[in-house]
């Protein structure tokens, strides 16, 4: 994952006045500063959520925001972590003005070790803000302790088709990681096959999924992390490609923990689109936001309920504050404040919504056209052409998904569709 915490010469992106200052150190004055994280003596684990890198694979959604802040199903990706009760959110992301502030996941954590080490905890739980999944961290941490591991890596079982796109790990008969390979193919891929029954899969599933991939989620024993980042690998920038393989090479006990559930890295346009549309799948969605035992909430926006008038809406998710009239919506996600009027047909689409209700400009476009991005199916032309379409700019719209170069309104019999053209 292309994350980062920053070069020592650059100022933090949230503080322009620090341009000539080194990385801050904790001192007596800072001890009374409420802006610093407040260590809780009773906590045994500190969760650290990394905010994402430049987000180039998710551009232009990340043009004005970090990856975890891109709305998912009109909510917020990062919101669910706080329910766990032991998490501090680190604003560790690159920005257009300060792209070099953080050099990688490990560099990010290293530069704030002075802050994290003041927490009276046993372990650090490293999380990513651009993944979609639901995991019981208590079991993850318990497995780390029971195996007396220095580091535990969450691992996802893979079939051969998916395995070539991930960093794979090889384990011994005790589940200890002994080898890493980044996106292997051919004979190198076959060499990374493992017996996944060791990690808990049944015989049938183990035969289907003979590979394990790193999820980019880790538990570090506190003293081990301090030692690795400060003493043994002080120049390493990334956990997955540098620190953890290095820890294995010097004899640290690095264990794999199997997670056999839904997980998606939503760091690309295609993955983001599929994850959103996956929540409309029936009879069981790919990922549920309605699990009463592990709910995911979004921020309150104090919007009115959506109004649906004479519309045909099937297998879709509708955000708050929408006005939907005499149209057809199927297998789609409709974002906040969307206004969809007569004759519109929306299928297999993601509408990101708007930050405010807009007045249509006279003589610019027909009033029936909703000023919204409709992200349709990814056709055979592929993700590259889709990304190019998203980059076309004319209707400048802050925090909308992107802009179009031209919108044309075409009447087809009794129905109407929005058509894109260059």
Protein backbone atom coordinates (compact mmCIF):
# COMPACT_ATOMS: atom_id res chain seq x y z
CA UNK A 1 0.00 0.00 0.00
CA UNK A 2 1.39 3.39 -1.01
CA UNK A 3 1.21 5.17 2.35
CA UNK A 4 3.50 7.47 4.15
CA UNK A 5 4.49 9.56 7.31
CA UNK A 6 7.05 12.26 6.06
CA UNK A 7 10.52 13.45 5.29
CA UNK A 8 12.17 15.10 8.22
CA UNK A 9 12.73 18.31 6.23
CA UNK A 10 9.10 18.88 5.30
CA UNK A 11 6.38 20.45 7.47
CA UNK A 12 3.30 18.52 8.44
CA UNK A 13 0.49 19.23 5.96
CA UNK A 14 -1.82 20.46 8.73
CA UNK A 15 0.62 23.10 10.02
CA UNK A 16 2.08 25.53 7.50
CA UNK A 17 3.93 27.46 10.21
CA UNK A 18 6.15 24.47 10.92
CA UNK A 19 8.03 24.83 7.63
CA UNK A 20 11.37 25.44 9.29
CA UNK A 21 10.82 23.19 12.29
CA UNK A 22 11.99 19.59 12.78
CA UNK A 23 9.63 16.78 13.74
CA UNK A 24 8.18 17.84 17.14
CA UNK A 25 9.31 16.12 20.31
CA UNK A 26 7.26 15.63 23.45
CA UNK A 27 8.25 18.09 26.18
CA UNK A 28 6.83 19.44 29.42
CA UNK A 29 4.76 22.06 27.65
CA UNK A 30 3.28 19.45 25.35
CA UNK A 31 2.31 17.32 28.32
CA UNK A 32 -0.52 19.74 29.05
CA UNK A 33 -1.52 20.21 25.42
CA UNK A 34 -4.94 18.69 24.82
CA UNK A 35 -4.21 18.31 21.11
CA UNK A 36 -1.87 15.42 21.85
CA UNK A 37 -3.19 11.90 22.24
CA UNK A 38 -4.12 11.17 25.81
CA UNK A 39 -2.60 7.87 26.99
CA UNK A 40 -5.03 5.64 28.83
CA UNK A 41 -3.29 3.52 31.46
CA UNK A 42 -5.94 0.81 31.41
CA UNK A 43 -5.73 0.12 27.66
CA UNK A 44 -3.65 -2.88 26.60
CA UNK A 45 -3.68 -2.24 22.84
CA UNK A 46 -3.28 0.93 20.82
CA UNK A 47 -4.88 0.86 17.38
CA UNK A 48 -3.24 3.10 14.79
CA UNK A 49 -5.15 3.83 11.58
CA UNK A 50 -3.02 5.05 8.70
CA UNK A 51 -4.77 7.51 6.45
CA UNK A 52 -3.41 6.61 3.04
CA UNK A 53 -0.85 7.78 0.53
CA UNK A 54 -1.31 9.95 -2.52
CA UNK A 55 -4.26 7.83 -3.65
CA UNK A 56 -3.17 7.78 -7.29
CA UNK A 57 -5.05 4.54 -8.02
CA UNK A 58 -8.28 6.10 -6.74
CA UNK A 59 -7.84 9.42 -8.52
CA UNK A 60 -9.83 11.62 -9.12
CA UNK A 61 -11.85 10.62 -6.06
CA UNK A 62 -8.79 11.54 -4.01
CA UNK A 63 -8.20 14.88 -5.70
CA UNK A 64 -9.47 16.81 -2.68
CA UNK A 65 -9.47 14.22 0.10
CA UNK A 66 -7.57 11.31 1.63
CA UNK A 67 -8.62 7.78 0.69
CA UNK A 68 -10.41 7.02 3.99
CA UNK A 69 -12.51 10.17 3.57
CA UNK A 70 -14.00 9.11 0.23
CA UNK A 71 -17.64 8.27 1.02
CA UNK A 72 -18.58 4.60 0.82
CA UNK A 73 -22.29 3.93 0.36
CA UNK A 74 -22.74 7.65 1.16
CA UNK A 75 -21.03 7.05 4.53
CA UNK A 76 -17.41 7.16 5.66
CA UNK A 77 -14.89 4.32 5.42
CA UNK A 78 -13.04 5.10 8.59
CA UNK A 79 -16.02 5.50 10.92
CA UNK A 80 -16.39 1.96 12.24
CA UNK A 81 -13.02 1.72 13.97
CA UNK A 82 -13.90 4.11 16.79
CA UNK A 83 -16.54 1.68 18.02
CA UNK A 84 -13.75 -0.64 19.15
CA UNK A 85 -12.81 1.78 21.90
CA UNK A 86 -9.01 1.57 21.71
CA UNK A 87 -8.26 3.45 18.52
CA UNK A 88 -6.53 6.75 17.85
CA UNK A 89 -6.70 8.11 14.31
CA UNK A 90 -3.37 9.36 13.01
CA UNK A 91 -3.64 11.95 10.25
CA UNK A 92 -0.97 10.14 8.27
CA UNK A 93 -1.64 10.86 4.65
CA UNK A 94 0.01 12.73 1.83
CA UNK A 95 -1.43 15.99 0.56
CA UNK A 96 -0.92 17.91 -2.70
CA UNK A 97 1.08 20.59 -0.88
CA UNK A 98 3.22 18.15 1.11
CA UNK A 99 3.53 14.88 -0.84
CA UNK A 100 6.77 13.92 0.95
CA UNK A 101 5.71 14.45 4.54
CA UNK A 102 5.43 10.69 5.10
CA UNK A 103 7.50 8.16 3.18
CA UNK A 104 5.64 4.95 3.96
CA UNK A 105 3.64 3.05 6.55
CA UNK A 106 6.65 2.31 8.74
CA UNK A 107 8.05 5.82 8.37
CA UNK A 108 4.67 7.19 9.43
CA UNK A 109 4.63 5.23 12.66
CA UNK A 110 8.33 5.83 13.32
CA UNK A 111 7.95 9.58 13.32
CA UNK A 112 5.28 9.36 16.00
CA UNK A 113 6.82 6.66 18.19
CA UNK A 114 7.62 9.33 20.78
CA UNK A 115 3.87 9.82 21.07
CA UNK A 116 2.74 6.20 20.88
CA UNK A 117 5.26 4.84 23.36
CA UNK A 118 3.73 6.93 26.14
CA UNK A 119 0.63 4.75 26.01
CA UNK A 120 0.78 2.04 28.64
CA UNK A 121 -0.02 -0.78 26.22
CA UNK A 122 1.29 -4.22 25.33
CA UNK A 123 0.71 -4.13 21.57
CA UNK A 124 0.23 -1.81 18.63
CA UNK A 125 -2.51 -2.72 16.15
CA UNK A 126 -1.71 -1.26 12.72
CA UNK A 127 -4.75 -0.71 10.51
CA UNK A 128 -5.41 0.78 7.08
CA UNK A 129 -8.15 3.30 6.42
CA UNK A 130 -8.89 2.16 2.86
CA UNK A 131 -10.00 -1.44 3.50
CA UNK A 132 -13.55 -2.74 3.84
CA UNK A 133 -14.04 -5.72 6.15
CA UNK A 134 -15.36 -6.69 9.56
CA UNK A 135 -12.90 -8.39 11.92
CA UNK A 136 -12.99 -9.34 15.59
CA UNK A 137 -9.74 -7.72 16.71
CA UNK A 138 -9.97 -9.33 20.12
CA UNK A 139 -9.42 -12.78 18.56
CA UNK A 140 -6.62 -11.39 16.41
CA UNK A 141 -4.80 -9.99 19.43
CA UNK A 142 -5.47 -13.10 21.50
CA UNK A 143 -3.87 -15.27 18.81
CA UNK A 144 -0.83 -12.98 18.85
CA UNK A 145 -0.42 -13.52 22.58
CA UNK A 146 -1.11 -17.25 22.59
CA UNK A 147 1.59 -17.91 19.99
CA UNK A 148 4.10 -15.65 21.78
CA UNK A 149 4.57 -13.80 18.51
CA UNK A 150 6.61 -10.66 18.03
CA UNK A 151 4.49 -9.71 15.02
CA UNK A 152 1.23 -11.19 13.74
CA UNK A 153 0.08 -10.58 10.17
CA UNK A 154 -3.58 -10.92 9.16
CA UNK A 155 -3.72 -13.30 6.20
CA UNK A 156 -6.42 -13.84 3.60
CA UNK A 157 -6.80 -17.25 1.89
CA UNK A 158 -6.49 -17.03 -1.89
CA UNK A 159 -7.14 -19.15 -4.94
CA UNK A 160 -4.62 -19.23 -7.77
CA UNK A 161 -6.49 -16.67 -9.87
CA UNK A 162 -6.39 -13.91 -7.25
CA UNK A 163 -3.03 -14.82 -5.73
CA UNK A 164 -0.97 -13.26 -8.52
CA UNK A 165 -2.22 -9.79 -7.57
CA UNK A 166 -1.13 -9.92 -3.91
CA UNK A 167 1.92 -10.21 -1.72
CA UNK A 168 1.97 -13.87 -0.61
CA UNK A 169 3.40 -15.53 2.47
CA UNK A 170 4.65 -19.03 3.16
CA UNK A 171 4.29 -20.62 6.61
CA UNK A 172 5.66 -23.60 8.47
CA UNK A 173 3.62 -26.23 10.30
CA UNK A 174 3.13 -23.88 13.27
CA UNK A 175 1.82 -20.99 11.19
CA UNK A 176 5.06 -19.05 11.42
CA UNK A 177 5.87 -16.95 8.35
CA UNK A 178 9.11 -18.04 6.69
CA UNK A 179 8.99 -16.47 3.23
CA UNK A 180 7.45 -13.58 1.29
CA UNK A 181 6.82 -13.08 -2.43
CA UNK A 182 5.32 -9.99 -4.07
CA UNK A 183 2.79 -10.82 -6.82
CA UNK A 184 4.50 -14.07 -7.88
CA UNK A 185 3.75 -15.84 -11.15
CA UNK A 186 4.57 -19.19 -12.74
CA UNK A 187 6.92 -21.41 -10.79
CA UNK A 188 7.41 -18.78 -8.10
CA UNK A 189 3.65 -18.81 -7.50
CA UNK A 190 3.55 -22.59 -7.16
CA UNK A 191 6.41 -22.42 -4.68
CA UNK A 192 4.26 -20.25 -2.39
CA UNK A 193 1.51 -22.86 -1.95
CA UNK A 194 0.83 -23.72 1.70
CA UNK A 195 -1.36 -26.08 3.71
CA UNK A 196 -4.01 -23.63 4.88
CA UNK A 197 -5.55 -26.22 7.21
CA UNK A 198 -2.72 -25.21 9.55
CA UNK A 199 -4.48 -21.87 9.99
CA UNK A 200 -7.95 -23.35 10.41
CA UNK A 201 -9.48 -23.93 6.97
CA UNK A 202 -11.31 -27.20 6.41
CA UNK A 203 -9.98 -29.67 3.84
CA UNK A 204 -12.35 -28.55 1.06
CA UNK A 205 -11.62 -24.84 1.48
CA UNK A 206 -7.90 -25.50 1.90
CA UNK A 207 -7.84 -27.26 -1.47
CA UNK A 208 -9.60 -24.31 -3.11
CA UNK A 209 -7.45 -21.71 -1.35
CA UNK A 210 -3.82 -22.93 -1.21
CA UNK A 211 -2.28 -19.46 -0.85
CA UNK A 212 -2.33 -16.79 1.85
CA UNK A 213 -1.94 -13.06 1.19
CA UNK A 214 -1.07 -10.28 3.60
CA UNK A 215 -3.99 -7.95 4.36
CA UNK A 216 -1.71 -5.12 5.48
CA UNK A 217 -3.04 -5.44 9.05
CA UNK A 218 -0.57 -6.17 11.83
CA UNK A 219 -0.16 -6.64 15.57
CA UNK A 220 3.26 -5.66 16.93
CA UNK A 221 4.44 -6.24 20.47
CA UNK A 222 5.31 -2.77 21.70
CA UNK A 223 8.97 -3.37 22.54
CA UNK A 224 9.53 -5.19 19.25
CA UNK A 225 8.18 -2.32 17.17
CA UNK A 226 10.29 0.24 19.01
CA UNK A 227 13.38 -1.89 18.46
CA UNK A 228 12.71 -2.61 14.79
CA UNK A 229 11.90 0.95 13.74
CA UNK A 230 14.57 2.73 15.77
CA UNK A 231 17.49 0.34 15.91
CA UNK A 232 17.37 -2.49 13.40
CA UNK A 233 15.62 -0.89 10.42
CA UNK A 234 15.84 2.88 10.98
CA UNK A 235 15.73 3.64 7.24
CA UNK A 236 12.90 1.26 6.29
CA UNK A 237 9.79 3.03 5.06
CA UNK A 238 7.24 0.25 4.57
CA UNK A 239 5.99 -2.48 6.90
CA UNK A 240 4.92 -4.99 4.27
CA UNK A 241 7.93 -4.91 1.97
CA UNK A 242 10.75 -3.97 4.36
CA UNK A 243 10.17 -4.18 8.11
CA UNK A 244 8.29 -7.48 8.38
CA UNK A 245 10.45 -9.45 5.90
CA UNK A 246 13.46 -7.97 7.68
CA UNK A 247 12.12 -9.05 11.07
CA UNK A 248 11.71 -12.59 9.74
CA UNK A 249 15.29 -12.60 8.46
CA UNK A 250 16.74 -11.71 11.87
CA UNK A 251 14.77 -14.40 13.69
CA UNK A 252 11.76 -12.53 15.04
CA UNK A 253 8.67 -14.68 15.49
CA UNK A 254 6.24 -13.53 12.80
CA UNK A 255 2.94 -15.41 12.81
CA UNK A 256 0.08 -15.55 10.31
CA UNK A 257 -3.51 -15.13 11.48
CA UNK A 258 -6.18 -16.36 9.09
CA UNK A 259 -9.13 -14.12 8.31
CA UNK A 260 -11.63 -16.01 6.16
CA UNK A 261 -14.25 -13.37 5.46
CA UNK A 262 -15.11 -10.49 3.17
CA UNK A 263 -12.21 -8.10 2.64
CA UNK A 264 -11.65 -5.54 -0.08
CA UNK A 265 -8.88 -3.04 -0.66
CA UNK A 266 -10.93 -0.19 -2.10
CA UNK A 267 -7.90 1.71 -3.34
CA UNK A 268 -8.81 1.59 -7.05
CA UNK A 269 -11.73 2.94 -9.06
CA UNK A 270 -12.89 -0.56 -10.03
CA UNK A 271 -12.69 -1.90 -6.47
CA UNK A 272 -14.46 1.17 -5.10
CA UNK A 273 -17.27 0.82 -7.62
CA UNK A 274 -17.67 -2.93 -6.98
CA UNK A 275 -17.65 -2.49 -3.19
CA UNK A 276 -20.41 0.11 -3.39
CA UNK A 277 -22.60 -1.89 -5.76
CA UNK A 278 -21.91 -5.03 -3.73
CA UNK A 279 -24.07 -3.76 -0.88
CA UNK A 280 -27.13 -3.94 -3.16
CA UNK A 281 -26.57 -7.60 -3.96
CA UNK A 282 -29.35 -10.01 -3.03
CA UNK A 283 -30.32 -12.13 -1.24
CA UNK A 284 -27.15 -11.48 0.78
CA UNK A 285 -24.96 -8.42 0.11
CA UNK A 286 -21.19 -8.77 -0.09
CA UNK A 287 -20.87 -6.58 2.99
CA UNK A 288 -23.63 -5.58 5.40
CA UNK A 289 -23.88 -2.24 7.15
CA UNK A 290 -26.79 -3.54 9.22
CA UNK A 291 -25.07 -6.06 11.51
CA UNK A 292 -26.52 -5.24 14.93
CA UNK A 293 -23.56 -6.83 16.73
CA UNK A 294 -20.97 -4.85 14.77
CA UNK A 295 -22.77 -1.83 13.33
CA UNK A 296 -21.13 0.80 11.16
CA UNK A 297 -22.35 4.35 11.60
CA UNK A 298 -21.82 7.46 9.56
CA UNK A 299 -21.75 11.07 10.74
CA UNK A 300 -25.10 12.79 11.36
CA UNK A 301 -25.93 15.33 8.69
CA UNK A 302 -29.37 16.39 9.95
CA UNK A 303 -30.95 15.99 6.53
CA UNK A 304 -34.64 15.30 5.93
CA UNK A 305 -35.78 11.82 4.88
CA UNK A 306 -35.59 11.09 1.19
CA UNK A 307 -38.75 11.72 -0.84
CA UNK A 308 -39.72 9.15 -3.47
CA UNK A 309 -42.64 10.09 -5.75
CA UNK A 310 -44.00 7.72 -8.41
CA UNK A 311 -40.57 6.14 -8.86
CA UNK A 312 -39.59 2.53 -9.50
CA UNK A 313 -36.68 1.75 -7.17
CA UNK A 314 -35.32 -1.81 -6.90
CA UNK A 315 -32.22 -3.32 -5.28
CA UNK A 316 -30.77 0.07 -4.45
CA UNK A 317 -29.50 2.14 -1.54
CA UNK A 318 -30.78 5.71 -1.20
CA UNK A 319 -29.00 8.31 0.92
CA UNK A 320 -30.64 10.98 3.05
CA UNK A 321 -32.11 14.17 1.68
CA UNK A 322 -32.83 12.88 -1.83
CA UNK A 323 -35.76 13.89 -4.05
CA UNK A 324 -36.63 11.14 -6.51
CA UNK A 325 -39.56 11.64 -8.86
CA UNK A 326 -41.07 9.52 -11.63
CA UNK A 327 -37.86 7.71 -12.58
CA UNK A 328 -36.39 4.22 -12.59
CA UNK A 329 -33.48 3.20 -10.36
CA UNK A 330 -32.14 -0.36 -10.30
CA UNK A 331 -29.09 -1.90 -8.63
CA UNK A 332 -27.58 1.47 -7.77
CA UNK A 333 -26.31 3.56 -4.88
CA UNK A 334 -27.74 7.08 -4.72
CA UNK A 335 -25.80 9.57 -2.61
CA UNK A 336 -26.88 12.40 -0.33
CA UNK A 337 -29.04 15.26 -1.67
CA UNK A 338 -29.44 13.64 -5.07
CA UNK A 339 -32.26 15.15 -7.15
CA UNK A 340 -33.49 12.79 -9.86
CA UNK A 341 -36.44 13.87 -11.94
CA UNK A 342 -38.90 12.62 -14.56
CA UNK A 343 -37.82 10.03 -17.06
CA UNK A 344 -34.32 9.35 -15.74
CA UNK A 345 -33.15 5.73 -15.89
CA UNK A 346 -30.30 4.79 -13.55
CA UNK A 347 -28.96 1.24 -13.54
CA UNK A 348 -25.81 -0.37 -12.13
CA UNK A 349 -24.63 3.08 -11.13
CA UNK A 350 -23.00 4.93 -8.27
CA UNK A 351 -24.17 8.50 -7.67
CA UNK A 352 -21.89 10.24 -5.20
CA UNK A 353 -24.38 12.94 -4.22
CA UNK A 354 -23.78 16.60 -3.46
CA UNK A 355 -22.62 18.80 -0.59
CA UNK A 356 -25.58 21.15 -1.03
CA UNK A 357 -28.74 21.52 -3.08
CA UNK A 358 -28.03 23.36 -6.29
CA UNK A 359 -30.13 25.68 -8.40
CA UNK A 360 -30.03 24.79 -12.05
CA UNK A 361 -28.52 27.52 -14.18
CA UNK A 362 -30.98 28.86 -16.73
CA UNK A 363 -30.28 27.90 -20.35
CA UNK A 364 -27.34 25.68 -19.39
CA UNK A 365 -28.82 22.19 -19.21
CA UNK A 366 -32.37 20.84 -19.17
CA UNK A 367 -33.84 20.88 -15.70
CA UNK A 368 -34.32 17.12 -15.75
CA UNK A 369 -30.55 16.56 -15.66
CA UNK A 370 -29.35 15.88 -12.12
CA UNK A 371 -25.99 17.55 -11.45
CA UNK A 372 -24.50 14.27 -10.30
CA UNK A 373 -21.85 11.89 -11.46
CA UNK A 374 -23.28 8.63 -12.72
CA UNK A 375 -20.58 5.98 -12.55
CA UNK A 376 -21.87 3.22 -14.82
CA UNK A 377 -20.66 -0.28 -15.49
CA UNK A 378 -16.98 -0.76 -16.19
CA UNK A 379 -17.11 -1.97 -19.78
CA UNK A 380 -14.59 -3.92 -21.82
CA UNK A 381 -12.69 -0.73 -22.50
CA UNK A 382 -11.45 -1.09 -18.95
CA UNK A 383 -10.49 0.97 -15.95
CA UNK A 384 -8.09 3.22 -17.84
CA UNK A 385 -10.80 4.69 -20.06
CA UNK A 386 -13.09 5.04 -17.04
CA UNK A 387 -10.43 6.97 -15.17
CA UNK A 388 -9.93 9.23 -18.20
CA UNK A 389 -13.65 9.90 -18.28
CA UNK A 390 -13.54 10.88 -14.64
CA UNK A 391 -10.71 13.33 -15.25
CA UNK A 392 -12.63 15.43 -17.80
CA UNK A 393 -13.40 18.73 -16.16
CA UNK A 394 -15.88 21.45 -16.95
CA UNK A 395 -18.43 21.55 -14.13
CA UNK A 396 -16.09 22.45 -11.28
CA UNK A 397 -17.58 20.87 -8.21
CA UNK A 398 -15.69 20.68 -4.93
CA UNK A 399 -15.92 17.29 -3.17
CA UNK A 400 -18.13 15.76 -5.85
CA UNK A 401 -16.72 12.56 -7.29
CA UNK A 402 -15.44 14.24 -10.46
CA UNK A 403 -16.47 16.35 -13.41
CA UNK A 404 -17.73 15.78 -16.94
CA UNK A 405 -16.55 17.48 -20.08
CA UNK A 406 -20.00 17.49 -21.60
CA UNK A 407 -23.49 16.30 -20.68
CA UNK A 408 -26.04 15.64 -23.35
CA UNK A 409 -29.72 15.05 -22.73
CA UNK A 410 -31.37 12.72 -25.21
CA UNK A 411 -35.04 11.82 -25.41
CA UNK A 412 -35.68 8.20 -26.34
CA UNK A 413 -39.39 7.62 -26.73
CA UNK A 414 -40.96 8.14 -23.34
CA UNK A 415 -37.73 7.65 -21.39
CA UNK A 416 -34.67 9.85 -21.01
CA UNK A 417 -31.04 9.08 -20.34
CA UNK A 418 -27.94 11.08 -19.50
CA UNK A 419 -25.25 10.43 -22.09
CA UNK A 420 -21.53 11.18 -21.82
CA UNK A 421 -19.52 12.47 -24.74
CA UNK A 422 -16.13 14.07 -25.12
